[in-house]
Protein backbone atom coordinates (compact mmCIF):
# COMPACT_ATOMS: atom_id res chain seq x y z
CA MET A 1 -26.48 83.05 -3.76
CA GLY A 2 -27.60 82.44 -7.31
CA PRO A 3 -27.52 79.14 -9.21
CA ALA A 4 -24.05 77.65 -10.07
CA LYS A 5 -22.62 78.88 -13.32
CA PRO A 6 -21.79 76.06 -15.76
CA LEU A 7 -18.29 75.76 -17.21
CA ASN A 8 -16.79 73.27 -19.66
CA LEU A 9 -13.43 71.64 -19.00
CA GLU A 10 -11.56 74.26 -20.84
CA GLN A 11 -13.18 77.07 -19.00
CA PHE A 12 -12.80 75.34 -15.62
CA ARG A 13 -9.10 74.83 -16.24
CA ALA A 14 -8.67 78.48 -17.18
CA LEU A 15 -10.51 79.58 -14.05
CA VAL A 16 -8.26 77.39 -11.87
CA GLY A 17 -5.10 78.25 -13.78
CA GLY A 18 -5.72 81.92 -13.67
CA GLY A 19 -6.26 81.92 -9.83
CA GLY A 20 -9.93 82.37 -10.08
CA VAL A 21 -10.74 79.96 -7.54
CA GLN A 22 -10.90 80.91 -3.76
CA PRO A 23 -7.84 79.69 -1.89
CA GLY A 24 -7.99 76.71 0.69
CA GLY A 25 -9.29 73.30 0.87
CA GLN A 26 -13.00 74.31 1.09
CA SER A 27 -12.92 76.08 -2.24
CA VAL A 28 -13.23 73.00 -4.49
CA ILE A 29 -15.96 70.61 -3.64
CA LEU A 30 -16.53 67.09 -4.73
CA ARG A 31 -20.31 66.95 -4.39
CA ALA A 32 -22.58 64.11 -4.37
CA LEU A 33 -25.25 63.93 -6.90
CA GLY A 34 -27.39 60.81 -6.40
CA ALA A 35 -24.95 57.93 -6.95
CA ASP A 36 -22.46 60.07 -8.74
CA TRP A 37 -20.25 63.01 -8.06
CA MET A 38 -19.62 66.43 -9.69
CA ILE A 39 -16.99 68.95 -9.21
CA VAL A 40 -17.99 72.52 -7.83
CA ALA A 41 -15.68 75.52 -7.22
CA LEU A 42 -16.14 78.74 -5.21
CA GLN A 43 -14.94 81.92 -7.42
CA ARG A 44 -12.81 84.49 -5.86
CA SER A 45 -15.39 86.82 -7.28
CA GLY A 46 -18.20 85.07 -5.54
CA GLY A 47 -20.65 82.41 -6.52
CA GLU A 48 -20.13 78.80 -7.59
CA VAL A 49 -19.13 77.16 -10.69
CA VAL A 50 -19.99 73.63 -11.78
CA LEU A 51 -17.89 71.40 -14.18
CA TYR A 52 -20.15 70.59 -17.17
CA GLY A 53 -19.82 67.94 -19.79
CA THR A 54 -18.44 69.13 -23.09
CA ASN A 55 -21.55 68.80 -25.23
CA THR A 56 -24.17 68.59 -22.58
CA LYS A 57 -26.41 70.82 -20.47
CA GLN A 58 -25.75 68.68 -17.38
CA PRO A 59 -22.95 68.66 -14.80
CA ARG A 60 -20.19 66.24 -15.73
CA THR A 61 -20.52 63.34 -13.37
CA PHE A 62 -18.17 60.79 -12.12
CA ALA A 63 -19.48 57.31 -10.94
CA ASP A 64 -16.08 56.83 -9.22
CA PRO A 65 -14.86 59.73 -7.19
CA ARG A 66 -11.28 58.71 -7.70
CA ASN A 67 -11.58 59.75 -11.27
CA ALA A 68 -12.79 63.18 -10.28
CA LEU A 69 -9.88 63.58 -7.81
CA LEU A 70 -7.40 62.55 -10.52
CA LEU A 71 -8.82 65.26 -12.76
CA LEU A 72 -8.51 67.84 -10.01
CA ARG A 73 -4.91 66.66 -9.27
CA GLU A 74 -4.02 67.12 -13.04
CA MET A 75 -5.23 70.73 -12.67
CA GLY A 76 -3.02 71.28 -9.74
CA ILE A 77 -5.74 71.30 -7.25
CA ARG A 78 -4.47 69.25 -4.04
CA GLU A 79 -7.18 70.02 -1.50
CA ALA A 80 -10.94 69.50 -2.07
CA HIS A 81 -13.90 69.23 0.32
CA ILE A 82 -16.16 66.12 0.16
CA ASP A 83 -19.93 66.87 0.29
CA ALA A 84 -21.65 63.48 0.58
CA ARG A 85 -25.00 64.78 2.07
CA ASP A 86 -26.89 63.85 -1.08
CA TRP A 87 -24.91 60.51 -1.87
CA THR A 88 -27.27 57.69 -2.54
CA PRO A 89 -25.03 54.80 -3.82
CA GLU A 90 -27.92 52.47 -3.71
CA GLN A 91 -29.31 54.28 -6.93
CA ARG A 92 -26.44 52.63 -8.77
CA GLY A 93 -27.28 49.21 -7.07
CA LEU A 94 -23.95 49.19 -5.05
CA LYS A 95 -23.59 46.65 -2.22
CA THR A 96 -21.70 47.27 1.02
CA THR A 97 -18.61 45.10 1.36
CA PRO A 98 -16.10 44.83 4.04
CA ALA A 99 -13.25 47.23 3.83
CA GLY A 100 -10.78 46.12 1.01
CA GLY A 101 -13.29 43.52 -0.05
CA ARG A 102 -14.86 43.07 -3.50
CA ALA A 103 -18.50 42.54 -4.42
CA LYS A 104 -19.28 39.08 -5.36
CA LYS A 105 -20.71 38.61 -8.80
């Protein structure tokens, strides 16, 4: 498979709204990129697309995966696969806290 095709938000919405994404929970991926997350989708026609920033030549990234999930939900996407293989939160200086706890400042 070749490199992922970059799409801006408008193009990504059109792809999703037009049924151009493969059906099923594995077709939209929240993929780790260092300490951040990016959105990837598998097209019905084959190949991957990546959501890019509006005026950038880089993937749109989310420091908090909840923001990416909110965007997907807004687009009508209710299932997504999480790919955390390359997640390195220490790059952002995050500290592990107990479940439900808050990091001390």
